[in-house]
Amino acid sequence: MGRSLAVQYRPTDFDSMLGQRAVIKTLEEQLKRGRISNCYLFAGPSGDGKTTISKVLASKINGGRGTPLEIDGASHNGVDAVREIIEDAKNRSIDSEYKIYIIDECHAITSAAWSAFLKCLEEPPQFTIFMFCTTNPEKIPEAILNRMMRFNLSKVDTELIRDRLCYICQQEGFTNYEEACDYLAKLGSGGVRDSIAYLEKCAAYNTDLSIENVLSCLGNLSYDDLF
């Protein structure tokens, strides 16, 4: 099974990311000065690039060596799972300078599990870095938030999403996509991943991405009625 378009065209550096320039500028300054935090929080709407920023930052911190450990906070949200992470975090990485954890959907972690995490985040192992991603930072205990370097991401500009969709269509050999990309960019409501998912669904229906084919695939109202 091939990779999804969202994965295939996921940015691998900060320059190719859509939006979030203020966040990226701050992170690049940290990297330049060697002032890396041991605990980051990336918060914002779904599909705005939280996980992508984490992956790019992890790669830059380790000079492209090693692979960050990605953990789904929704399925590893209990005390036992967190204790396993804490124990593992004490061991140095064998293929990179830093052992880096990217914990997605971290708002799903239980209060008891966060309490178990507290000491580790207060005094993390020297060569371990935690990067948490969430759409609901208000669900994270205040005592935890105070120990994280927090970055708030925003929805991505529709024009930027449209341009990315057009680029993907060019690379994939889709046809008649200009109007469809404009429509799908708006439909994603600032979420890059959602817009690309719509594009992939429509291309599976017909690689001729005329607005008629797209509307037929998605079963939506007409373009004029919706916008």
Protein backbone atom coordinates (compact mmCIF):
# COMPACT_ATOMS: atom_id res chain seq x y z
CA MET A 1 0.00 0.00 0.00
CA GLY A 2 1.40 3.40 -0.99
CA ARG A 3 1.80 6.31 1.34
CA SER A 4 -0.98 8.87 1.58
CA LEU A 5 -0.46 12.20 -0.19
CA ALA A 6 -0.28 13.95 3.19
CA VAL A 7 2.64 11.74 4.23
CA GLN A 8 4.27 11.74 0.80
CA TYR A 9 4.31 15.54 0.62
CA ARG A 10 4.95 16.26 4.29
CA PRO A 11 7.62 18.99 4.59
CA THR A 12 11.06 17.83 5.70
CA ASP A 13 12.44 21.29 6.52
CA PHE A 14 11.16 24.56 7.92
CA ASP A 15 11.39 26.41 4.60
CA SER A 16 8.80 24.18 2.94
CA MET A 17 6.28 24.42 5.79
CA LEU A 18 3.10 26.42 5.30
CA GLY A 19 2.60 29.34 7.66
CA GLN A 20 3.72 29.36 11.33
CA ARG A 21 6.61 31.71 10.47
CA ALA A 22 6.85 33.28 13.95
CA VAL A 23 7.09 29.85 15.60
CA ILE A 24 9.66 28.66 13.08
CA LYS A 25 11.75 31.82 13.46
CA THR A 26 11.91 31.31 17.24
CA LEU A 27 12.91 27.66 16.86
CA GLU A 28 15.59 28.52 14.31
CA GLU A 29 17.04 31.10 16.70
CA GLN A 30 17.14 28.49 19.46
CA LEU A 31 18.98 26.09 17.16
CA LYS A 32 21.42 28.78 16.10
CA ARG A 33 22.24 29.65 19.71
CA GLY A 34 22.21 26.06 20.96
CA ARG A 35 19.51 26.92 23.49
CA ILE A 36 17.36 23.83 23.13
CA SER A 37 14.56 23.15 25.61
CA ASN A 38 13.99 19.70 27.10
CA CYS A 39 10.22 20.02 26.85
CA TYR A 40 8.11 21.59 24.07
CA LEU A 41 4.38 21.94 23.62
CA PHE A 42 2.90 22.62 20.18
CA ALA A 43 -0.77 23.54 20.43
CA GLY A 44 -3.25 24.45 17.74
CA PRO A 45 -6.05 23.33 15.40
CA SER A 46 -5.99 19.97 13.67
CA GLY A 47 -3.83 19.75 10.56
CA ASP A 48 -1.82 22.92 11.15
CA GLY A 49 1.62 21.25 11.26
CA LYS A 50 2.27 20.44 14.93
CA THR A 51 3.68 16.97 14.31
CA THR A 52 5.57 18.11 11.22
CA ILE A 53 7.26 20.94 13.13
CA SER A 54 8.19 18.46 15.86
CA LYS A 55 9.75 16.06 13.35
CA VAL A 56 11.70 18.77 11.57
CA LEU A 57 12.92 20.22 14.88
CA ALA A 58 13.95 16.75 16.10
CA SER A 59 15.92 16.15 12.91
CA LYS A 60 17.70 19.49 13.18
CA ILE A 61 18.55 18.98 16.86
CA ASN A 62 20.17 15.63 16.05
CA GLY A 63 21.74 16.72 12.79
CA GLY A 64 19.59 14.30 10.80
CA ARG A 65 20.70 11.30 12.85
CA GLY A 66 18.37 8.86 14.56
CA THR A 67 14.58 8.81 14.55
CA PRO A 68 12.30 10.40 17.16
CA LEU A 69 10.07 8.06 19.14
CA GLU A 70 6.47 8.83 18.16
CA ILE A 71 3.84 7.98 20.75
CA ASP A 72 0.07 8.30 20.51
CA GLY A 73 -1.01 9.93 23.75
CA ALA A 74 -4.58 8.70 23.27
CA SER A 75 -3.55 5.04 23.49
CA HIS A 76 -0.65 5.54 25.95
CA ASN A 77 -2.48 7.74 28.41
CA GLY A 78 -2.35 5.75 31.65
CA VAL A 79 0.06 5.73 34.56
CA ASP A 80 1.76 2.47 33.55
CA ALA A 81 2.39 3.69 30.00
CA VAL A 82 3.86 6.97 31.27
CA ARG A 83 6.09 5.15 33.76
CA GLU A 84 7.45 3.03 30.91
CA ILE A 85 8.26 6.21 28.97
CA ILE A 86 9.96 7.74 32.02
CA GLU A 87 12.11 4.64 32.57
CA ASP A 88 13.05 4.47 28.90
CA ALA A 89 13.88 8.19 28.87
CA LYS A 90 16.71 7.57 31.34
CA ASN A 91 18.65 5.63 28.69
CA ARG A 92 20.76 7.51 26.16
CA SER A 93 19.96 7.25 22.47
CA ILE A 94 22.28 4.82 20.65
CA ASP A 95 22.11 6.50 17.22
CA SER A 96 21.84 10.23 18.00
CA GLU A 97 22.90 12.78 20.59
CA TYR A 98 19.41 13.26 22.02
CA LYS A 99 16.59 10.80 22.60
CA ILE A 100 13.49 12.66 21.41
CA TYR A 101 9.88 11.72 22.12
CA ILE A 102 7.02 13.16 20.05
CA ILE A 103 3.80 12.58 21.99
CA ASP A 104 0.72 13.38 19.92
CA GLU A 105 -2.79 13.95 21.32
CA CYS A 106 -1.20 14.51 24.71
CA HIS A 107 -4.39 16.09 26.09
CA ALA A 108 -5.73 12.50 26.35
CA ILE A 109 -3.19 11.65 29.07
CA THR A 110 -4.97 11.14 32.39
CA SER A 111 -4.48 13.37 35.43
CA ALA A 112 -2.82 10.54 37.33
CA ALA A 113 -0.45 9.90 34.42
CA TRP A 114 0.45 13.59 34.21
CA SER A 115 1.21 13.49 37.92
CA ALA A 116 3.61 10.61 37.25
CA PHE A 117 5.18 12.68 34.48
CA LEU A 118 5.63 15.79 36.62
CA LYS A 119 9.00 15.00 38.22
CA CYS A 120 10.50 13.83 34.93
CA LEU A 121 9.46 17.04 33.16
CA GLU A 122 10.72 19.13 36.06
CA GLU A 123 14.16 17.49 35.96
CA PRO A 124 14.39 15.69 32.59
CA PRO A 125 17.39 13.53 31.72
CA GLN A 126 20.08 15.73 30.18
CA PHE A 127 19.98 14.12 26.74
CA THR A 128 16.22 13.54 26.50
CA ILE A 129 13.73 15.90 24.85
CA PHE A 130 9.93 15.69 24.97
CA MET A 131 7.75 17.29 22.29
CA PHE A 132 4.03 17.27 23.04
CA CYS A 133 1.34 18.03 20.44
CA THR A 134 -2.28 18.85 21.22
CA THR A 135 -5.44 20.42 19.88
CA ASN A 136 -6.73 20.94 23.44
CA PRO A 137 -4.06 22.50 25.67
CA GLU A 138 -6.71 23.54 28.19
CA LYS A 139 -6.98 19.86 29.21
CA ILE A 140 -3.33 19.76 30.34
CA PRO A 141 -2.77 20.49 34.06
CA GLU A 142 -1.33 23.92 34.83
CA ALA A 143 1.58 22.39 36.75
CA ILE A 144 2.59 20.58 33.56
CA LEU A 145 2.10 23.58 31.27
CA ASN A 146 4.44 25.61 33.49
CA ARG A 147 7.24 23.15 32.71
CA MET A 148 6.85 23.29 28.92
CA MET A 149 8.02 25.76 26.31
CA ARG A 150 4.71 26.40 24.60
CA PHE A 151 4.13 27.40 20.98
CA ASN A 152 0.64 28.20 19.71
CA LEU A 153 0.10 27.37 16.05
CA SER A 154 -2.66 28.92 13.95
CA LYS A 155 -4.77 27.88 10.99
CA VAL A 156 -2.90 28.08 7.68
CA ASP A 157 -3.82 30.75 5.13
CA THR A 158 -6.11 29.43 2.40
CA GLU A 159 -3.91 30.74 -0.41
CA LEU A 160 -0.91 28.84 0.94
CA ILE A 161 -2.95 25.63 1.10
CA ARG A 162 -4.24 26.20 -2.42
CA ASP A 163 -0.71 26.58 -3.76
CA ARG A 164 0.38 23.36 -2.03
CA LEU A 165 -2.60 21.47 -3.50
CA CYS A 166 -1.77 22.75 -6.98
CA TYR A 167 1.84 21.64 -6.55
CA ILE A 168 0.71 18.14 -5.54
CA CYS A 169 -1.62 17.97 -8.53
CA GLN A 170 1.24 18.94 -10.85
CA GLN A 171 3.52 16.30 -9.35
CA GLU A 172 0.84 13.60 -9.52
CA GLY A 173 -0.30 14.41 -13.06
CA PHE A 174 -3.87 15.36 -12.13
CA THR A 175 -5.78 17.54 -14.61
CA ASN A 176 -8.26 20.45 -14.50
CA TYR A 177 -7.39 21.10 -10.86
CA GLU A 178 -7.19 24.90 -10.51
CA GLU A 179 -10.78 25.53 -9.41
CA ALA A 180 -10.86 22.32 -7.39
CA CYS A 181 -7.76 23.33 -5.42
CA ASP A 182 -9.32 26.66 -4.57
CA TYR A 183 -12.47 24.88 -3.39
CA LEU A 184 -10.66 22.18 -1.38
CA ALA A 185 -8.36 24.72 0.26
CA LYS A 186 -11.40 26.59 1.57
CA LEU A 187 -13.12 23.36 2.56
CA GLY A 188 -10.18 22.44 4.78
CA SER A 189 -10.79 25.55 6.93
CA GLY A 190 -7.11 26.20 7.56
CA GLY A 191 -6.11 22.56 8.01
CA VAL A 192 -3.52 21.47 5.44
CA ARG A 193 -3.92 17.77 6.17
CA ASP A 194 -7.70 17.92 5.77
CA SER A 195 -7.46 19.67 2.41
CA ILE A 196 -4.93 17.14 1.13
CA ALA A 197 -7.17 14.30 2.35
CA TYR A 198 -10.07 15.78 0.36
CA LEU A 199 -7.80 16.03 -2.68
CA GLU A 200 -6.73 12.42 -2.35
CA LYS A 201 -10.33 11.23 -2.08
CA CYS A 202 -11.35 13.21 -5.16
CA ALA A 203 -8.35 11.95 -7.17
CA ALA A 204 -9.31 8.37 -6.28
CA TYR A 205 -12.74 9.13 -7.76
CA ASN A 206 -11.33 10.77 -10.90
CA THR A 207 -7.90 12.30 -11.66
CA ASP A 208 -9.75 14.82 -13.81
CA LEU A 209 -10.38 17.22 -10.95
CA SER A 210 -12.99 19.39 -12.61
CA ILE A 211 -15.15 21.12 -10.04
CA GLU A 212 -18.07 19.01 -11.25
CA ASN A 213 -16.21 15.78 -10.50
CA VAL A 214 -15.06 17.07 -7.12
CA LEU A 215 -18.57 18.10 -6.07
CA SER A 216 -19.93 14.78 -7.29
CA CYS A 217 -17.31 12.89 -5.26
CA LEU A 218 -17.81 14.83 -2.05
CA GLY A 219 -21.57 15.17 -2.39
CA ASN A 220 -21.41 18.82 -1.38
CA LEU A 221 -23.44 21.85 -2.29
CA SER A 222 -22.38 23.80 -5.33
CA TYR A 223 -19.31 25.99 -5.04
CA ASP A 224 -21.35 29.22 -5.12
CA ASP A 225 -23.86 27.98 -2.53
CA LEU A 226 -21.16 26.82 -0.10
CA PHE A 227 -18.98 29.95 -0.28
